[in-house]
Amino acid sequence: MVTPSWIRIFLDVPAPSWDAALAFWPAASGCSSVEILGETGQFARLVPAHGDSWVEIQRIDDARPRVHLDLDSTDRPAAVRRSLDLGAQPAWTRRGEVAVMRSPGGLLYCHTVDLPTEGMVRDGLDIVLDQVSIDIPEALWEAEVAFWQQLTGRSLERGRRPEFAFLGDPDPAGAVRILLQRVGSGDTVTAHPDFAVADRPAQTVRHESLGAVVEQVFERWTVLVAPDGRRYCLTDRDPATGRLAF
C-alpha cells in the first residue's frame, strides 16, 4: 500500500491578495526565510531555521483563498491509482510532475515527489504552523473520514469533543498533523490551517499587530482572519509535539 511519506501545507492565495499574504504568513509563522519559486514566482516556500520546509504559499486565479495538501511519496503513479480506487477524482490536467486530485467531498490535494531529508524540526519553537483542519459537512462525514484515513494510512483517533477526530502519525512531532472537524451543513469539504502555540494570548496580540483580526475566542483556540481573507486558528497545543498542552 502506497501512503504519503511527507505532507506539505499549501496556502492558496488569490492574486489580488498575494502581496498581503506574502507579508503576513512568513512573519506570522516565524519562518527563517522565504524562497520564491515557479515560472512566474507563483510559489513562496516558508523556510524554517532547521529541518525541511512544509508550508508554501501559492498564487492562484480563484477569487477565494483555500488550503490544499501535497502528498509526497516514492511512487506517484501508484499513489494516484490508490486515490482513484478510494473514490477521488482528477481535478484537472497534470501540471508538470503534479497530479491534482479532489477528494470525494471536493477538497483539492496533489500527489508529488519531493521527499524530506531531515523532517520537521520543532525544537525551541513557541509557534508552529503544523496542522490542517479538514472541515467536513455532516452529510459527508463518514465517507470523507474513511477516505483520508485510508489514503494517508494513519490511525483514526477520536477527539475530546464529538465534532473532532485526528489522523495520528507514527512520528507526531515530525510531521504535519491532520484534524478532521465536523461542521454541520454544506456540500463541499474545505480546510484551514492551525498553529500550535505556547502562549495563545501573546501570539494573538502579535498576529493582530501583523494585520490579523480576531473573529472568535474559544476555550482552547482562537479563530482569526488573516489579511488575505483566510480564517485560521491559534490552538493550545505544545509546539514541541503538536499535542494538546493541557
Protein backbone atom coordinates (compact mmCIF):
# COMPACT_ATOMS: atom_id res chain seq x y z
CA MET A 1 0.00 0.00 0.00
CA VAL A 2 1.38 3.41 -1.02
CA THR A 3 0.96 6.09 1.64
CA PRO A 4 2.48 9.58 1.86
CA SER A 5 5.91 9.76 3.45
CA TRP A 6 5.70 13.57 3.73
CA ILE A 7 2.80 16.04 3.71
CA ARG A 8 3.06 19.75 2.91
CA ILE A 9 0.56 22.53 3.57
CA PHE A 10 -0.24 24.91 0.70
CA LEU A 11 -1.98 28.21 1.38
CA ASP A 12 -3.59 29.12 -1.95
CA VAL A 13 -3.95 32.89 -2.30
CA PRO A 14 -5.99 34.86 -4.88
CA ALA A 15 -3.71 37.08 -6.96
CA PRO A 16 -5.09 40.40 -5.59
CA SER A 17 -4.17 39.29 -2.04
CA TRP A 18 -0.71 37.95 -2.92
CA ASP A 19 1.31 40.86 -1.54
CA ALA A 20 -0.67 40.89 1.70
CA ALA A 21 -0.21 37.14 2.13
CA LEU A 22 3.49 37.32 1.35
CA ALA A 23 3.93 39.98 4.04
CA PHE A 24 1.76 38.23 6.66
CA TRP A 25 2.34 34.47 6.61
CA PRO A 26 6.15 34.39 6.88
CA ALA A 27 6.02 36.82 9.80
CA ALA A 28 3.08 35.06 11.46
CA SER A 29 4.71 31.64 11.22
CA GLY A 30 8.13 32.80 12.38
CA CYS A 31 9.95 31.19 9.46
CA SER A 32 13.63 31.91 8.89
CA SER A 33 13.38 32.98 5.24
CA VAL A 34 11.21 32.81 2.11
CA GLU A 35 12.20 31.12 -1.16
CA ILE A 36 10.32 32.34 -4.26
CA LEU A 37 9.75 29.55 -6.78
CA GLY A 38 7.88 28.84 -10.03
CA GLU A 39 7.98 30.15 -13.58
CA THR A 40 6.26 33.39 -12.59
CA GLY A 41 7.17 33.47 -8.90
CA GLN A 42 3.79 31.98 -8.02
CA PHE A 43 5.14 29.94 -5.08
CA ALA A 44 6.70 31.11 -1.83
CA ARG A 45 8.27 28.44 0.36
CA LEU A 46 8.46 29.25 4.08
CA VAL A 47 11.91 28.03 5.10
CA PRO A 48 12.40 27.11 8.77
CA ALA A 49 15.66 27.69 10.60
CA HIS A 50 16.21 23.93 10.82
CA GLY A 51 14.83 20.89 9.03
CA ASP A 52 12.74 20.62 5.88
CA SER A 53 10.05 23.10 4.85
CA TRP A 54 6.42 22.00 4.96
CA VAL A 55 4.47 25.21 4.25
CA GLU A 56 4.18 27.05 0.93
CA ILE A 57 2.06 29.92 -0.36
CA GLN A 58 0.68 29.66 -3.90
CA ARG A 59 -0.79 32.46 -6.02
CA ILE A 60 -4.00 31.33 -7.75
CA ASP A 61 -6.58 32.78 -10.12
CA ASP A 62 -9.60 31.82 -7.98
CA ALA A 63 -11.48 34.51 -6.08
CA ARG A 64 -11.26 32.97 -2.60
CA PRO A 65 -8.34 31.62 -0.54
CA ARG A 66 -8.14 27.91 0.07
CA VAL A 67 -5.86 25.24 1.52
CA HIS A 68 -4.61 22.09 -0.15
CA LEU A 69 -2.21 19.32 0.80
CA ASP A 70 0.70 17.93 -1.21
CA LEU A 71 1.18 14.23 -0.52
CA ASP A 72 4.74 13.14 -1.30
CA SER A 73 5.57 9.51 -2.00
CA THR A 74 8.24 7.49 -3.78
CA ASP A 75 5.77 6.04 -6.31
CA ARG A 76 3.45 8.77 -7.59
CA PRO A 77 1.65 6.66 -10.25
CA ALA A 78 0.79 4.05 -7.62
CA ALA A 79 -0.37 6.79 -5.25
CA VAL A 80 -2.65 8.24 -7.93
CA ARG A 81 -4.12 4.80 -8.67
CA ARG A 82 -4.83 4.29 -4.99
CA SER A 83 -6.55 7.69 -4.78
CA LEU A 84 -8.81 6.77 -7.67
CA ASP A 85 -9.60 3.38 -6.14
CA LEU A 86 -10.63 5.13 -2.91
CA GLY A 87 -13.05 7.46 -4.72
CA ALA A 88 -11.01 10.55 -5.63
CA GLN A 89 -11.41 12.30 -8.98
CA PRO A 90 -8.79 14.06 -11.15
CA ALA A 91 -9.28 17.80 -10.75
CA TRP A 92 -7.59 18.98 -13.94
CA THR A 93 -4.79 18.21 -16.33
CA ARG A 94 -1.48 17.38 -14.74
CA ARG A 95 0.88 20.30 -14.43
CA GLY A 96 4.44 19.07 -14.91
CA GLU A 97 5.08 16.45 -12.24
CA VAL A 98 1.96 17.18 -10.18
CA ALA A 99 -1.25 15.13 -10.19
CA VAL A 100 -4.08 17.38 -8.93
CA MET A 101 -6.98 15.47 -7.37
CA ARG A 102 -10.24 16.05 -5.49
CA SER A 103 -11.35 14.02 -2.51
CA PRO A 104 -14.87 12.51 -2.59
CA GLY A 105 -16.06 15.63 -0.73
CA GLY A 106 -14.33 18.02 -3.13
CA LEU A 107 -11.12 19.02 -1.31
CA LEU A 108 -8.15 19.61 -3.61
CA TYR A 109 -4.85 17.83 -2.99
CA CYS A 110 -1.81 16.84 -5.04
CA HIS A 111 0.37 13.77 -5.46
CA THR A 112 4.00 14.86 -5.66
CA VAL A 113 7.54 13.59 -5.20
CA ASP A 114 9.57 15.96 -3.02
CA LEU A 115 10.77 13.84 -0.12
CA PRO A 116 12.31 15.30 3.05
CA THR A 117 15.83 14.72 4.31
CA GLU A 118 15.54 15.99 7.89
CA GLY A 119 11.82 16.23 8.58
CA MET A 120 10.08 18.81 10.76
CA VAL A 121 12.27 20.26 13.49
CA ARG A 122 10.24 21.77 16.35
CA ASP A 123 12.96 22.24 18.97
CA GLY A 124 12.90 25.64 20.65
CA LEU A 125 9.84 26.96 18.80
CA ASP A 126 6.96 28.73 20.52
CA ILE A 127 4.71 28.73 17.45
CA VAL A 128 4.40 26.17 14.64
CA LEU A 129 2.01 26.14 11.66
CA ASP A 130 1.77 22.37 11.81
CA GLN A 131 -1.85 21.31 11.31
CA VAL A 132 -4.56 21.34 8.67
CA SER A 133 -8.16 21.06 9.76
CA ILE A 134 -10.26 19.32 7.11
CA ASP A 135 -13.74 20.77 7.62
CA ILE A 136 -16.38 18.21 6.68
CA PRO A 137 -20.16 18.78 6.43
CA GLU A 138 -22.26 16.33 8.43
CA ALA A 139 -23.66 14.56 5.36
CA LEU A 140 -20.15 13.84 4.05
CA TRP A 141 -18.51 12.98 7.35
CA GLU A 142 -18.30 9.18 7.31
CA ALA A 143 -17.17 8.84 3.69
CA GLU A 144 -14.61 11.67 3.86
CA VAL A 145 -13.10 10.48 7.15
CA ALA A 146 -12.75 6.96 5.75
CA PHE A 147 -11.14 8.32 2.57
CA TRP A 148 -8.44 10.35 4.34
CA GLN A 149 -7.73 7.61 6.86
CA GLN A 150 -7.19 5.06 4.10
CA LEU A 151 -5.30 7.45 1.82
CA THR A 152 -2.81 8.50 4.49
CA GLY A 153 -2.60 5.13 6.23
CA ARG A 154 -2.82 6.89 9.58
CA SER A 155 -4.77 5.68 12.58
CA LEU A 156 -8.06 7.40 13.43
CA GLU A 157 -8.14 9.00 16.88
CA ARG A 158 -11.33 10.43 18.33
CA GLY A 159 -11.06 13.93 19.79
CA ARG A 160 -12.11 15.15 23.23
CA ARG A 161 -15.13 16.79 21.59
CA PRO A 162 -17.52 14.79 19.36
CA GLU A 163 -17.03 17.05 16.33
CA PHE A 164 -13.28 16.31 16.17
CA ALA A 165 -11.13 13.39 15.11
CA PHE A 166 -7.43 13.17 14.28
CA LEU A 167 -5.32 11.17 11.89
CA GLY A 168 -2.40 10.02 14.00
CA ASP A 169 1.15 9.67 12.73
CA PRO A 170 3.99 7.33 13.72
CA ASP A 171 6.17 10.40 14.29
CA PRO A 172 3.71 13.05 15.57
CA ALA A 173 6.44 15.53 16.46
CA GLY A 174 7.95 15.40 12.98
CA ALA A 175 5.05 15.61 10.55
CA VAL A 176 2.07 17.72 9.54
CA ARG A 177 -0.97 16.88 11.66
CA ILE A 178 -4.43 16.35 10.19
CA LEU A 179 -7.51 17.31 12.19
CA LEU A 180 -10.95 16.25 10.96
CA GLN A 181 -13.74 18.62 12.00
CA ARG A 182 -17.49 18.07 11.57
CA VAL A 183 -19.01 21.42 10.58
CA GLY A 184 -22.73 20.81 10.10
CA SER A 185 -24.41 21.93 6.86
CA GLY A 186 -22.79 22.33 3.45
CA ASP A 187 -21.99 20.24 0.41
CA THR A 188 -18.23 20.74 -0.04
CA VAL A 189 -15.25 19.84 2.13
CA THR A 190 -12.87 22.74 2.86
CA ALA A 191 -9.79 23.19 5.04
CA HIS A 192 -8.00 25.77 7.20
CA PRO A 193 -4.56 25.97 8.85
CA ASP A 194 -3.89 25.75 12.59
CA PHE A 195 -0.92 26.95 14.64
CA ALA A 196 0.32 25.23 17.79
CA VAL A 197 1.26 27.99 20.24
CA ALA A 198 2.85 28.06 23.68
CA ASP A 199 1.17 31.35 24.70
CA ARG A 200 -2.09 31.98 22.87
CA PRO A 201 -2.84 35.45 24.32
CA ALA A 202 0.65 36.71 23.43
CA GLN A 203 0.51 35.22 19.94
CA THR A 204 -2.95 36.70 19.40
CA VAL A 205 -1.60 40.17 20.14
CA ARG A 206 1.37 39.55 17.83
CA HIS A 207 -0.84 38.34 14.97
CA GLU A 208 -3.15 41.33 15.40
CA SER A 209 -0.12 43.61 15.10
CA LEU A 210 0.63 41.90 11.76
CA GLY A 211 -2.87 42.66 10.46
CA ALA A 212 -4.99 39.68 11.53
CA VAL A 213 -8.43 40.20 13.07
CA VAL A 214 -9.84 38.09 15.90
CA GLU A 215 -13.17 36.58 14.93
CA GLN A 216 -13.99 34.35 17.90
CA VAL A 217 -12.32 33.03 21.06
CA PHE A 218 -12.96 29.51 22.41
CA GLU A 219 -11.65 27.64 25.45
CA ARG A 220 -8.71 26.04 23.62
CA TRP A 221 -8.42 28.00 20.37
CA THR A 222 -8.88 31.42 18.78
CA VAL A 223 -10.22 31.98 15.27
CA LEU A 224 -8.62 34.83 13.31
CA VAL A 225 -8.88 36.20 9.79
CA ALA A 226 -5.60 36.94 8.00
CA PRO A 227 -5.09 39.98 5.75
CA ASP A 228 -5.63 37.72 2.72
CA GLY A 229 -9.14 36.86 4.00
CA ARG A 230 -8.28 33.36 5.23
CA ARG A 231 -9.59 32.02 8.54
CA TYR A 232 -7.10 30.18 10.71
CA CYS A 233 -6.70 29.17 14.34
CA LEU A 234 -4.22 29.60 17.17
CA THR A 235 -4.56 26.48 19.32
CA ASP A 236 -3.39 25.49 22.79
CA ARG A 237 -1.10 22.71 21.60
CA ASP A 238 2.51 22.09 22.54
CA PRO A 239 4.69 23.40 19.67
CA ALA A 240 7.26 20.70 20.50
CA THR A 241 4.83 17.83 19.91
CA GLY A 242 1.65 19.19 18.34
CA ARG A 243 -0.38 17.63 21.14
CA LEU A 244 -2.81 19.47 23.42
CA ALA A 245 -0.86 21.39 26.01
CA PHE A 246 -3.23 20.52 28.88
